[in-house]
Amino acid sequence: MNEVYFCGNCRRQQQPSQGERCIMCNRITVSWYTDRESEQDALRKWRSING
């Protein structure tokens, strides 16, 4: 699977093993399947959670 966790604040990806919070800014990340979703889809999901 091509799942990463995406932080819309830092615009960075991290591995699920690194936790649900961004290792840079500590905000909640969202699951992003890079093989079937665009970055805009991931950013939309992130904004719906983090405002």
N, C-alpha and C. Protein backbone atom coordinates (compact mmCIF):
# COMPACT_ATOMS: atom_id res chain seq x y z
N MET A 1 0.83 -1.19 0.00
CA MET A 1 0.00 0.00 0.00
C MET A 1 0.87 1.25 0.00
N ASN A 2 0.31 2.30 -0.56
CA ASN A 2 1.03 3.56 -0.63
C ASN A 2 0.44 4.57 0.34
N GLU A 3 0.32 4.16 1.61
CA GLU A 3 -0.26 5.04 2.61
C GLU A 3 0.83 5.81 3.34
N VAL A 4 0.64 7.12 3.42
CA VAL A 4 1.49 7.97 4.24
C VAL A 4 0.57 8.84 5.08
N TYR A 5 1.12 9.46 6.10
CA TYR A 5 0.36 10.44 6.88
C TYR A 5 0.80 11.81 6.40
N PHE A 6 -0.17 12.68 6.18
CA PHE A 6 0.08 13.98 5.58
C PHE A 6 -0.27 15.10 6.56
N CYS A 7 0.62 16.07 6.66
CA CYS A 7 0.37 17.26 7.47
C CYS A 7 0.16 18.44 6.53
N GLY A 8 -1.02 19.05 6.58
CA GLY A 8 -1.32 20.18 5.72
C GLY A 8 -0.65 21.47 6.17
N ASN A 9 -0.22 21.53 7.41
CA ASN A 9 0.47 22.72 7.91
C ASN A 9 1.90 22.77 7.36
N CYS A 10 2.61 21.68 7.47
CA CYS A 10 4.00 21.60 7.01
C CYS A 10 4.10 21.14 5.55
N ARG A 11 2.99 20.62 5.02
CA ARG A 11 2.96 20.02 3.69
C ARG A 11 3.98 18.90 3.57
N ARG A 12 4.03 18.08 4.61
CA ARG A 12 4.99 16.98 4.60
C ARG A 12 4.29 15.66 4.79
N GLN A 13 4.99 14.62 4.40
CA GLN A 13 4.50 13.26 4.56
C GLN A 13 5.38 12.55 5.57
N GLN A 14 4.78 11.62 6.28
CA GLN A 14 5.56 10.78 7.19
C GLN A 14 4.97 9.38 7.18
N GLN A 15 5.75 8.45 7.59
CA GLN A 15 5.31 7.06 7.62
C GLN A 15 4.34 6.85 8.78
N PRO A 16 3.35 5.98 8.62
CA PRO A 16 2.41 5.69 9.71
C PRO A 16 3.11 5.26 11.00
N SER A 17 4.25 4.62 10.88
CA SER A 17 4.99 4.17 12.07
C SER A 17 5.51 5.34 12.91
N GLN A 18 5.53 6.55 12.33
CA GLN A 18 6.01 7.73 13.06
C GLN A 18 4.90 8.37 13.90
N GLY A 19 3.70 7.83 13.85
CA GLY A 19 2.61 8.33 14.67
C GLY A 19 1.63 9.20 13.90
N GLU A 20 0.51 9.50 14.56
CA GLU A 20 -0.56 10.27 13.92
C GLU A 20 -0.32 11.77 13.98
N ARG A 21 0.57 12.21 14.82
CA ARG A 21 0.88 13.64 14.90
C ARG A 21 2.14 13.94 14.10
N CYS A 22 2.13 15.10 13.46
CA CYS A 22 3.28 15.53 12.66
C CYS A 22 4.52 15.64 13.56
N ILE A 23 5.63 15.10 13.10
CA ILE A 23 6.85 15.14 13.91
C ILE A 23 7.50 16.53 13.89
N MET A 24 7.02 17.42 13.00
CA MET A 24 7.56 18.78 12.96
C MET A 24 6.73 19.77 13.79
N CYS A 25 5.39 19.76 13.59
CA CYS A 25 4.56 20.78 14.24
C CYS A 25 3.55 20.21 15.24
N ASN A 26 3.48 18.89 15.36
CA ASN A 26 2.64 18.19 16.33
C ASN A 26 1.14 18.29 16.04
N ARG A 27 0.76 18.68 14.83
CA ARG A 27 -0.66 18.69 14.48
C ARG A 27 -1.08 17.30 14.03
N ILE A 28 -2.39 17.04 14.08
CA ILE A 28 -2.93 15.75 13.63
C ILE A 28 -2.73 15.63 12.12
N THR A 29 -2.28 14.48 11.68
CA THR A 29 -2.12 14.21 10.25
C THR A 29 -3.32 13.41 9.75
N VAL A 30 -3.42 13.29 8.43
CA VAL A 30 -4.47 12.47 7.82
C VAL A 30 -3.81 11.40 6.96
N SER A 31 -4.53 10.30 6.80
CA SER A 31 -4.06 9.22 5.97
C SER A 31 -4.20 9.61 4.50
N TRP A 32 -3.14 9.41 3.72
CA TRP A 32 -3.14 9.77 2.30
C TRP A 32 -2.65 8.56 1.52
N TYR A 33 -3.51 8.05 0.65
CA TYR A 33 -3.13 6.95 -0.23
C TYR A 33 -2.64 7.57 -1.53
N THR A 34 -1.33 7.68 -1.67
CA THR A 34 -0.73 8.42 -2.77
C THR A 34 -0.99 7.80 -4.14
N ASP A 35 -1.38 6.53 -4.16
CA ASP A 35 -1.63 5.89 -5.45
C ASP A 35 -3.03 6.17 -6.00
N ARG A 36 -3.94 6.69 -5.15
CA ARG A 36 -5.29 6.94 -5.64
C ARG A 36 -5.89 8.28 -5.24
N GLU A 37 -5.16 9.09 -4.49
CA GLU A 37 -5.63 10.42 -4.10
C GLU A 37 -4.57 11.46 -4.45
N SER A 38 -5.04 12.66 -4.80
CA SER A 38 -4.10 13.74 -5.09
C SER A 38 -3.71 14.45 -3.79
N GLU A 39 -2.72 15.31 -3.87
CA GLU A 39 -2.33 16.08 -2.69
C GLU A 39 -3.47 17.00 -2.27
N GLN A 40 -4.22 17.51 -3.22
CA GLN A 40 -5.36 18.37 -2.91
C GLN A 40 -6.42 17.62 -2.11
N ASP A 41 -6.64 16.34 -2.44
CA ASP A 41 -7.58 15.52 -1.67
C ASP A 41 -7.11 15.39 -0.22
N ALA A 42 -5.82 15.13 -0.05
CA ALA A 42 -5.26 14.99 1.30
C ALA A 42 -5.35 16.30 2.06
N LEU A 43 -5.07 17.41 1.38
CA LEU A 43 -5.14 18.71 2.02
C LEU A 43 -6.57 19.04 2.44
N ARG A 44 -7.55 18.67 1.63
CA ARG A 44 -8.96 18.88 1.96
C ARG A 44 -9.34 18.11 3.23
N LYS A 45 -8.88 16.85 3.28
CA LYS A 45 -9.16 16.02 4.48
C LYS A 45 -8.51 16.65 5.71
N TRP A 46 -7.27 17.08 5.55
CA TRP A 46 -6.54 17.67 6.67
C TRP A 46 -7.25 18.92 7.18
N ARG A 47 -7.69 19.78 6.26
CA ARG A 47 -8.37 21.02 6.65
C ARG A 47 -9.70 20.75 7.34
N SER A 48 -10.39 19.66 6.95
CA SER A 48 -11.67 19.36 7.58
C SER A 48 -11.48 18.94 9.04
N ILE A 49 -10.30 18.42 9.37
CA ILE A 49 -10.00 18.02 10.74
C ILE A 49 -9.36 19.16 11.54
N ASN A 50 -8.43 19.85 10.93
CA ASN A 50 -7.66 20.86 11.64
C ASN A 50 -8.15 22.30 11.45
N GLY A 51 -9.09 22.49 10.58
CA GLY A 51 -9.65 23.83 10.38
C GLY A 51 -8.91 24.71 9.43
